[in-house]
Amino acid sequence: MRKLTSVFTFALLFNLIFGCSSLTGEEIARLPINQLTISDDNLISKEATLSLKKGEEIAVWSEMDIEYEGNVDLRFQIEVSKNGENIGVLEIDPTDKNITIGELKSSINNKTSWSFTGKNSEITIEDNGEYTFKGILIASENPTLKIDKAEIILKK
């Protein structure tokens, strides 16, 4: 009974800490890319346009569910435009995260299954405007890579 109480207490605390958007931020956009861009002829991109104000902090998160054999390098490239004018490209490695939630990773006989949600980066908005975030997913060549989920999440 004591063990059950401890498990319940841990679950309750976990939900209070990580279930609260005040700690992880409020989701303002999600880019469900879920496929690799292989070439310029096969461009798989998703985008979101947001009205943002000077000084706002935007956190870039990734949510991944992948399987592969050997090694693989993944990158999200996010083109950022303000009022229709390109202002830069943000490149993030979704596996390089400073906060991780719900990570499950197993590696057996060189085959890896990995799912997680993680905070990768932050940007500060310099001017008021309509900002468009257009993302693609690229990877090193690995024919065993299976992507069940590959999403960019923007939070305030």
N, C-alpha and C. Protein backbone atom coordinates (compact mmCIF):
# COMPACT_ATOMS: atom_id res chain seq x y z
N MET A 1 0.82 -1.19 0.00
CA MET A 1 0.00 0.00 0.00
C MET A 1 0.86 1.25 0.00
N ARG A 2 1.95 1.22 0.77
CA ARG A 2 2.85 2.38 0.86
C ARG A 2 3.49 2.66 -0.51
N LYS A 3 3.86 1.59 -1.24
CA LYS A 3 4.45 1.76 -2.57
C LYS A 3 3.44 2.38 -3.53
N LEU A 4 2.19 1.96 -3.46
CA LEU A 4 1.14 2.51 -4.31
C LEU A 4 0.94 3.99 -4.02
N THR A 5 0.97 4.37 -2.75
CA THR A 5 0.85 5.78 -2.37
C THR A 5 2.01 6.59 -2.93
N SER A 6 3.23 6.05 -2.88
CA SER A 6 4.40 6.75 -3.42
C SER A 6 4.28 6.94 -4.93
N VAL A 7 3.83 5.92 -5.63
CA VAL A 7 3.65 6.01 -7.08
C VAL A 7 2.59 7.06 -7.40
N PHE A 8 1.48 7.06 -6.68
CA PHE A 8 0.42 8.04 -6.89
C PHE A 8 0.92 9.45 -6.63
N THR A 9 1.67 9.64 -5.55
CA THR A 9 2.21 10.96 -5.21
C THR A 9 3.16 11.44 -6.30
N PHE A 10 4.03 10.55 -6.80
CA PHE A 10 4.95 10.91 -7.86
C PHE A 10 4.17 11.31 -9.12
N ALA A 11 3.18 10.54 -9.50
CA ALA A 11 2.38 10.85 -10.69
C ALA A 11 1.67 12.19 -10.55
N LEU A 12 1.14 12.46 -9.39
CA LEU A 12 0.46 13.73 -9.15
C LEU A 12 1.43 14.90 -9.26
N LEU A 13 2.60 14.78 -8.63
CA LEU A 13 3.60 15.84 -8.72
C LEU A 13 4.10 16.04 -10.15
N PHE A 14 4.30 14.94 -10.87
CA PHE A 14 4.75 15.03 -12.26
C PHE A 14 3.73 15.80 -13.09
N ASN A 15 2.44 15.49 -12.93
CA ASN A 15 1.40 16.19 -13.68
C ASN A 15 1.30 17.65 -13.28
N LEU A 16 1.48 17.95 -12.03
CA LEU A 16 1.45 19.35 -11.60
C LEU A 16 2.61 20.14 -12.18
N ILE A 17 3.78 19.53 -12.21
CA ILE A 17 4.96 20.23 -12.71
C ILE A 17 4.95 20.34 -14.22
N PHE A 18 4.76 19.22 -14.93
CA PHE A 18 4.90 19.22 -16.37
C PHE A 18 3.58 19.37 -17.12
N GLY A 19 2.48 19.23 -16.47
CA GLY A 19 1.19 19.41 -17.12
C GLY A 19 0.77 20.86 -17.15
N CYS A 20 1.47 21.69 -16.45
CA CYS A 20 1.11 23.10 -16.34
C CYS A 20 1.81 23.91 -17.42
N SER A 21 1.05 24.58 -18.27
CA SER A 21 1.64 25.36 -19.35
C SER A 21 2.43 26.55 -18.84
N SER A 22 2.20 26.96 -17.58
CA SER A 22 2.96 28.09 -17.05
C SER A 22 4.43 27.74 -16.90
N LEU A 23 4.75 26.47 -16.77
CA LEU A 23 6.15 26.06 -16.65
C LEU A 23 6.79 25.76 -18.00
N THR A 24 6.03 25.20 -18.92
CA THR A 24 6.60 24.85 -20.22
C THR A 24 6.21 25.83 -21.30
N GLY A 25 5.29 26.73 -21.03
CA GLY A 25 4.82 27.70 -22.01
C GLY A 25 3.53 27.26 -22.67
N GLU A 26 2.85 28.23 -23.22
CA GLU A 26 1.59 27.97 -23.91
C GLU A 26 1.86 27.74 -25.39
N GLU A 27 1.36 26.64 -25.92
CA GLU A 27 1.55 26.35 -27.34
C GLU A 27 0.80 27.37 -28.18
N ILE A 28 1.52 27.97 -29.14
CA ILE A 28 0.89 28.96 -30.03
C ILE A 28 0.87 28.48 -31.48
N ALA A 29 1.68 27.48 -31.82
CA ALA A 29 1.66 26.91 -33.17
C ALA A 29 2.36 25.56 -33.15
N ARG A 30 1.93 24.70 -34.09
CA ARG A 30 2.54 23.37 -34.24
C ARG A 30 2.71 23.12 -35.73
N LEU A 31 3.91 22.69 -36.10
CA LEU A 31 4.21 22.36 -37.49
C LEU A 31 4.41 20.85 -37.60
N PRO A 32 3.35 20.09 -37.98
CA PRO A 32 3.45 18.63 -38.06
C PRO A 32 4.11 18.19 -39.36
N ILE A 33 5.43 18.23 -39.41
CA ILE A 33 6.16 17.94 -40.64
C ILE A 33 6.09 16.44 -40.94
N ASN A 34 6.53 15.60 -40.02
CA ASN A 34 6.35 14.15 -40.05
C ASN A 34 6.95 13.40 -41.25
N GLN A 35 7.68 14.10 -42.12
CA GLN A 35 8.34 13.46 -43.26
C GLN A 35 9.63 14.20 -43.56
N LEU A 36 10.56 13.48 -44.17
CA LEU A 36 11.83 14.09 -44.56
C LEU A 36 11.70 14.83 -45.87
N THR A 37 12.43 15.93 -45.98
CA THR A 37 12.64 16.57 -47.27
C THR A 37 13.89 15.92 -47.85
N ILE A 38 13.73 15.26 -48.99
CA ILE A 38 14.83 14.53 -49.61
C ILE A 38 15.62 15.45 -50.55
N SER A 39 14.91 16.30 -51.28
CA SER A 39 15.55 17.20 -52.24
C SER A 39 14.66 18.41 -52.44
N ASP A 40 15.15 19.37 -53.20
CA ASP A 40 14.34 20.56 -53.51
C ASP A 40 13.09 20.20 -54.31
N ASP A 41 13.16 19.08 -55.05
CA ASP A 41 12.00 18.62 -55.82
C ASP A 41 10.96 17.95 -54.93
N ASN A 42 11.38 17.53 -53.73
CA ASN A 42 10.51 16.82 -52.80
C ASN A 42 10.45 17.58 -51.48
N LEU A 43 10.04 18.84 -51.53
CA LEU A 43 10.04 19.71 -50.36
C LEU A 43 8.79 19.45 -49.52
N ILE A 44 8.99 18.94 -48.30
CA ILE A 44 7.91 18.67 -47.36
C ILE A 44 8.02 19.74 -46.28
N SER A 45 7.13 20.73 -46.31
CA SER A 45 7.22 21.82 -45.34
C SER A 45 5.84 22.13 -44.75
N LYS A 46 5.88 22.68 -43.56
CA LYS A 46 4.68 23.17 -42.88
C LYS A 46 5.00 24.56 -42.37
N GLU A 47 3.97 25.39 -42.26
CA GLU A 47 4.21 26.75 -41.79
C GLU A 47 3.07 27.26 -40.94
N ALA A 48 3.40 28.27 -40.16
CA ALA A 48 2.42 28.95 -39.31
C ALA A 48 2.77 30.43 -39.30
N THR A 49 1.74 31.28 -39.32
CA THR A 49 1.93 32.72 -39.24
C THR A 49 1.30 33.22 -37.95
N LEU A 50 2.07 34.04 -37.23
CA LEU A 50 1.65 34.52 -35.91
C LEU A 50 1.85 36.03 -35.81
N SER A 51 0.92 36.71 -35.16
CA SER A 51 1.12 38.13 -34.82
C SER A 51 1.88 38.17 -33.51
N LEU A 52 3.09 38.72 -33.56
CA LEU A 52 3.94 38.76 -32.38
C LEU A 52 4.36 40.19 -32.07
N LYS A 53 4.66 40.40 -30.80
CA LYS A 53 5.02 41.74 -30.33
C LYS A 53 6.48 41.77 -29.89
N LYS A 54 7.07 42.94 -30.02
CA LYS A 54 8.45 43.17 -29.61
C LYS A 54 8.65 42.71 -28.16
N GLY A 55 9.75 41.97 -27.96
CA GLY A 55 10.11 41.51 -26.63
C GLY A 55 9.56 40.14 -26.25
N GLU A 56 8.62 39.61 -27.03
CA GLU A 56 8.08 38.28 -26.70
C GLU A 56 9.15 37.21 -26.89
N GLU A 57 9.16 36.27 -25.95
CA GLU A 57 10.08 35.13 -26.02
C GLU A 57 9.32 33.95 -26.62
N ILE A 58 9.85 33.40 -27.69
CA ILE A 58 9.24 32.24 -28.34
C ILE A 58 10.19 31.05 -28.15
N ALA A 59 9.66 30.00 -27.54
CA ALA A 59 10.44 28.77 -27.33
C ALA A 59 10.14 27.81 -28.48
N VAL A 60 11.20 27.21 -28.99
CA VAL A 60 11.08 26.22 -30.07
C VAL A 60 11.27 24.84 -29.45
N TRP A 61 10.24 24.02 -29.55
CA TRP A 61 10.23 22.66 -29.03
C TRP A 61 10.12 21.69 -30.20
N SER A 62 10.52 20.46 -29.97
CA SER A 62 10.31 19.40 -30.95
C SER A 62 9.65 18.21 -30.26
N GLU A 63 8.80 17.56 -31.02
CA GLU A 63 8.17 16.32 -30.55
C GLU A 63 8.48 15.25 -31.59
N MET A 64 9.18 14.21 -31.14
CA MET A 64 9.68 13.20 -32.07
C MET A 64 9.27 11.80 -31.63
N ASP A 65 9.08 10.94 -32.62
CA ASP A 65 8.88 9.51 -32.41
C ASP A 65 9.51 8.84 -33.63
N ILE A 66 10.72 8.29 -33.44
CA ILE A 66 11.50 7.75 -34.56
C ILE A 66 12.10 6.40 -34.22
N GLU A 67 12.46 5.66 -35.27
CA GLU A 67 13.19 4.40 -35.15
C GLU A 67 14.24 4.38 -36.24
N TYR A 68 15.40 3.79 -35.92
CA TYR A 68 16.46 3.69 -36.92
C TYR A 68 17.49 2.66 -36.46
N GLU A 69 18.30 2.21 -37.41
CA GLU A 69 19.44 1.35 -37.12
C GLU A 69 20.70 2.16 -37.35
N GLY A 70 21.73 1.90 -36.55
CA GLY A 70 22.98 2.64 -36.70
C GLY A 70 22.84 4.03 -36.13
N ASN A 71 23.30 5.02 -36.89
CA ASN A 71 23.23 6.42 -36.46
C ASN A 71 22.45 7.25 -37.47
N VAL A 72 21.90 8.33 -36.99
CA VAL A 72 21.21 9.26 -37.87
C VAL A 72 21.34 10.66 -37.27
N ASP A 73 21.55 11.64 -38.13
CA ASP A 73 21.56 13.04 -37.73
C ASP A 73 20.31 13.69 -38.29
N LEU A 74 19.56 14.36 -37.42
CA LEU A 74 18.33 15.03 -37.82
C LEU A 74 18.49 16.53 -37.63
N ARG A 75 17.83 17.31 -38.50
CA ARG A 75 17.82 18.76 -38.38
C ARG A 75 16.48 19.30 -38.86
N PHE A 76 15.93 20.20 -38.05
CA PHE A 76 14.82 21.03 -38.52
C PHE A 76 15.42 22.33 -39.02
N GLN A 77 15.04 22.75 -40.21
CA GLN A 77 15.40 24.07 -40.71
C GLN A 77 14.12 24.90 -40.72
N ILE A 78 14.17 26.03 -40.02
CA ILE A 78 12.99 26.87 -39.89
C ILE A 78 13.30 28.23 -40.49
N GLU A 79 12.65 28.53 -41.60
CA GLU A 79 12.79 29.83 -42.24
C GLU A 79 11.84 30.79 -41.55
N VAL A 80 12.35 31.93 -41.11
CA VAL A 80 11.54 32.91 -40.39
C VAL A 80 11.40 34.16 -41.26
N SER A 81 10.15 34.58 -41.46
CA SER A 81 9.85 35.79 -42.22
C SER A 81 9.04 36.73 -41.36
N LYS A 82 9.28 38.03 -41.56
CA LYS A 82 8.48 39.05 -40.87
C LYS A 82 7.82 39.91 -41.93
N ASN A 83 6.49 39.97 -41.87
CA ASN A 83 5.70 40.74 -42.84
C ASN A 83 6.09 40.38 -44.28
N GLY A 84 6.33 39.08 -44.53
CA GLY A 84 6.64 38.59 -45.87
C GLY A 84 8.10 38.69 -46.27
N GLU A 85 8.95 39.26 -45.44
CA GLU A 85 10.37 39.41 -45.76
C GLU A 85 11.19 38.42 -44.95
N ASN A 86 12.01 37.61 -45.65
CA ASN A 86 12.83 36.61 -44.99
C ASN A 86 13.83 37.30 -44.06
N ILE A 87 13.85 36.89 -42.78
CA ILE A 87 14.80 37.49 -41.83
C ILE A 87 15.84 36.49 -41.32
N GLY A 88 15.72 35.22 -41.71
CA GLY A 88 16.74 34.26 -41.31
C GLY A 88 16.24 32.84 -41.27
N VAL A 89 17.19 31.94 -41.03
CA VAL A 89 16.90 30.51 -40.93
C VAL A 89 17.46 30.02 -39.59
N LEU A 90 16.62 29.33 -38.86
CA LEU A 90 17.00 28.72 -37.59
C LEU A 90 17.14 27.23 -37.85
N GLU A 91 18.30 26.68 -37.50
CA GLU A 91 18.52 25.24 -37.67
C GLU A 91 18.68 24.62 -36.30
N ILE A 92 17.86 23.61 -36.02
CA ILE A 92 17.94 22.95 -34.72
C ILE A 92 18.07 21.45 -34.89
N ASP A 93 18.81 20.86 -33.97
CA ASP A 93 18.90 19.41 -33.85
C ASP A 93 17.85 19.03 -32.81
N PRO A 94 16.79 18.33 -33.19
CA PRO A 94 15.74 18.02 -32.21
C PRO A 94 16.23 17.18 -31.04
N THR A 95 17.32 16.45 -31.21
CA THR A 95 17.84 15.63 -30.12
C THR A 95 18.68 16.44 -29.13
N ASP A 96 19.02 17.68 -29.48
CA ASP A 96 19.79 18.56 -28.60
C ASP A 96 18.80 19.45 -27.86
N LYS A 97 18.43 19.06 -26.67
CA LYS A 97 17.35 19.73 -25.94
C LYS A 97 17.81 20.10 -24.54
N ASN A 98 17.30 21.22 -24.02
CA ASN A 98 17.68 21.62 -22.67
C ASN A 98 16.58 21.32 -21.65
N ILE A 99 15.40 20.95 -22.11
CA ILE A 99 14.33 20.42 -21.27
C ILE A 99 13.73 19.25 -22.03
N THR A 100 13.51 18.15 -21.35
CA THR A 100 12.94 16.97 -21.99
C THR A 100 11.76 16.48 -21.17
N ILE A 101 10.68 16.12 -21.87
CA ILE A 101 9.48 15.59 -21.22
C ILE A 101 9.11 14.28 -21.90
N GLY A 102 8.82 13.28 -21.10
CA GLY A 102 8.31 12.00 -21.61
C GLY A 102 9.24 11.27 -22.56
N GLU A 103 10.52 11.28 -22.29
CA GLU A 103 11.47 10.62 -23.18
C GLU A 103 11.51 9.12 -22.92
N LEU A 104 11.41 8.36 -24.01
CA LEU A 104 11.57 6.91 -23.98
C LEU A 104 12.56 6.54 -25.08
N LYS A 105 13.67 5.92 -24.70
CA LYS A 105 14.67 5.54 -25.68
C LYS A 105 15.16 4.15 -25.37
N SER A 106 15.16 3.30 -26.39
CA SER A 106 15.71 1.96 -26.22
C SER A 106 16.58 1.63 -27.43
N SER A 107 17.70 1.00 -27.16
CA SER A 107 18.61 0.57 -28.22
C SER A 107 18.95 -0.89 -27.99
N ILE A 108 18.59 -1.73 -28.96
CA ILE A 108 18.86 -3.16 -28.88
C ILE A 108 19.40 -3.61 -30.22
N ASN A 109 20.56 -4.26 -30.19
CA ASN A 109 21.20 -4.76 -31.42
C ASN A 109 21.30 -3.69 -32.50
N ASN A 110 21.74 -2.50 -32.12
CA ASN A 110 21.97 -1.39 -33.04
C ASN A 110 20.69 -0.77 -33.60
N LYS A 111 19.52 -1.18 -33.08
CA LYS A 111 18.26 -0.59 -33.50
C LYS A 111 17.75 0.29 -32.36
N THR A 112 17.44 1.54 -32.67
CA THR A 112 17.01 2.51 -31.67
C THR A 112 15.57 2.92 -31.92
N SER A 113 14.79 2.95 -30.85
CA SER A 113 13.43 3.51 -30.84
C SER A 113 13.49 4.68 -29.86
N TRP A 114 13.01 5.86 -30.29
CA TRP A 114 13.18 7.05 -29.47
C TRP A 114 11.99 7.97 -29.65
N SER A 115 11.38 8.33 -28.53
CA SER A 115 10.31 9.33 -28.57
C SER A 115 10.53 10.32 -27.43
N PHE A 116 10.20 11.58 -27.68
CA PHE A 116 10.39 12.63 -26.67
C PHE A 116 9.73 13.92 -27.12
N THR A 117 9.57 14.79 -26.16
CA THR A 117 9.24 16.19 -26.41
C THR A 117 10.34 16.99 -25.73
N GLY A 118 10.95 17.93 -26.45
CA GLY A 118 12.06 18.67 -25.86
C GLY A 118 12.13 20.11 -26.32
N LYS A 119 12.60 20.95 -25.42
CA LYS A 119 12.81 22.37 -25.75
C LYS A 119 14.20 22.50 -26.35
N ASN A 120 14.26 23.10 -27.55
CA ASN A 120 15.52 23.18 -28.27
C ASN A 120 16.14 24.57 -28.29
N SER A 121 15.33 25.60 -28.31
CA SER A 121 15.88 26.94 -28.50
C SER A 121 14.85 27.99 -28.10
N GLU A 122 15.30 29.22 -28.01
CA GLU A 122 14.42 30.37 -27.77
C GLU A 122 14.83 31.50 -28.69
N ILE A 123 13.84 32.27 -29.10
CA ILE A 123 14.14 33.48 -29.87
C ILE A 123 13.36 34.63 -29.25
N THR A 124 13.94 35.81 -29.31
CA THR A 124 13.28 37.02 -28.82
C THR A 124 12.83 37.83 -30.02
N ILE A 125 11.58 38.21 -30.02
CA ILE A 125 11.02 39.00 -31.12
C ILE A 125 11.49 40.44 -30.99
N GLU A 126 12.08 40.95 -32.08
CA GLU A 126 12.69 42.28 -32.04
C GLU A 126 11.73 43.40 -32.42
N ASP A 127 10.70 43.10 -33.21
CA ASP A 127 9.74 44.13 -33.65
C ASP A 127 8.35 43.52 -33.76
N ASN A 128 7.33 44.34 -33.58
CA ASN A 128 5.96 43.89 -33.81
C ASN A 128 5.82 43.47 -35.27
N GLY A 129 4.98 42.46 -35.51
CA GLY A 129 4.73 42.08 -36.90
C GLY A 129 4.10 40.72 -37.04
N GLU A 130 3.85 40.37 -38.29
CA GLU A 130 3.33 39.05 -38.66
C GLU A 130 4.54 38.18 -39.01
N TYR A 131 4.77 37.17 -38.20
CA TYR A 131 5.92 36.29 -38.38
C TYR A 131 5.46 34.94 -38.92
N THR A 132 6.14 34.48 -39.97
CA THR A 132 5.86 33.17 -40.54
C THR A 132 7.05 32.26 -40.26
N PHE A 133 6.73 31.10 -39.71
CA PHE A 133 7.73 30.07 -39.41
C PHE A 133 7.44 28.91 -40.35
N LYS A 134 8.39 28.62 -41.25
CA LYS A 134 8.23 27.55 -42.25
C LYS A 134 9.33 26.53 -42.01
N GLY A 135 8.94 25.29 -41.67
CA GLY A 135 9.91 24.28 -41.29
C GLY A 135 9.97 23.09 -42.22
N ILE A 136 11.18 22.52 -42.34
CA ILE A 136 11.40 21.25 -43.03
C ILE A 136 12.27 20.38 -42.13
N LEU A 137 12.26 19.09 -42.39
CA LEU A 137 13.09 18.12 -41.66
C LEU A 137 14.04 17.48 -42.65
N ILE A 138 15.32 17.50 -42.31
CA ILE A 138 16.32 16.82 -43.12
C ILE A 138 17.10 15.86 -42.23
N ALA A 139 17.71 14.85 -42.85
CA ALA A 139 18.44 13.84 -42.08
C ALA A 139 19.61 13.31 -42.90
N SER A 140 20.59 12.79 -42.18
CA SER A 140 21.67 12.08 -42.85
C SER A 140 21.06 10.85 -43.51
N GLU A 141 21.74 10.35 -44.52
CA GLU A 141 21.20 9.20 -45.25
C GLU A 141 21.20 7.97 -44.37
N ASN A 142 20.02 7.43 -44.14
CA ASN A 142 19.86 6.20 -43.38
C ASN A 142 18.53 5.58 -43.81
N PRO A 143 18.57 4.58 -44.68
CA PRO A 143 17.33 4.00 -45.21
C PRO A 143 16.46 3.31 -44.16
N THR A 144 17.00 3.06 -42.95
CA THR A 144 16.21 2.41 -41.91
C THR A 144 15.39 3.40 -41.08
N LEU A 145 15.60 4.70 -41.29
CA LEU A 145 14.90 5.71 -40.51
C LEU A 145 13.40 5.65 -40.76
N LYS A 146 12.65 5.50 -39.68
CA LYS A 146 11.18 5.50 -39.73
C LYS A 146 10.71 6.64 -38.83
N ILE A 147 9.92 7.53 -39.39
CA ILE A 147 9.43 8.68 -38.65
C ILE A 147 7.93 8.52 -38.40
N ASP A 148 7.56 8.34 -37.15
CA ASP A 148 6.15 8.30 -36.79
C ASP A 148 5.65 9.70 -36.44
N LYS A 149 6.54 10.53 -35.90
CA LYS A 149 6.18 11.91 -35.57
C LYS A 149 7.42 12.76 -35.58
N ALA A 150 7.32 13.93 -36.21
CA ALA A 150 8.40 14.92 -36.23
C ALA A 150 7.72 16.29 -36.33
N GLU A 151 7.57 16.94 -35.19
CA GLU A 151 6.81 18.18 -35.14
C GLU A 151 7.60 19.27 -34.42
N ILE A 152 7.46 20.48 -34.92
CA ILE A 152 8.00 21.66 -34.27
C ILE A 152 6.85 22.31 -33.53
N ILE A 153 7.10 22.68 -32.28
CA ILE A 153 6.09 23.34 -31.46
C ILE A 153 6.63 24.69 -31.05
N LEU A 154 5.85 25.74 -31.25
CA LEU A 154 6.23 27.08 -30.83
C LEU A 154 5.39 27.43 -29.60
N LYS A 155 6.08 27.93 -28.56
CA LYS A 155 5.40 28.25 -27.30
C LYS A 155 5.80 29.64 -26.83
N LYS A 156 4.88 30.29 -26.12
CA LYS A 156 5.17 31.58 -25.47
C LYS A 156 5.35 31.33 -24.00
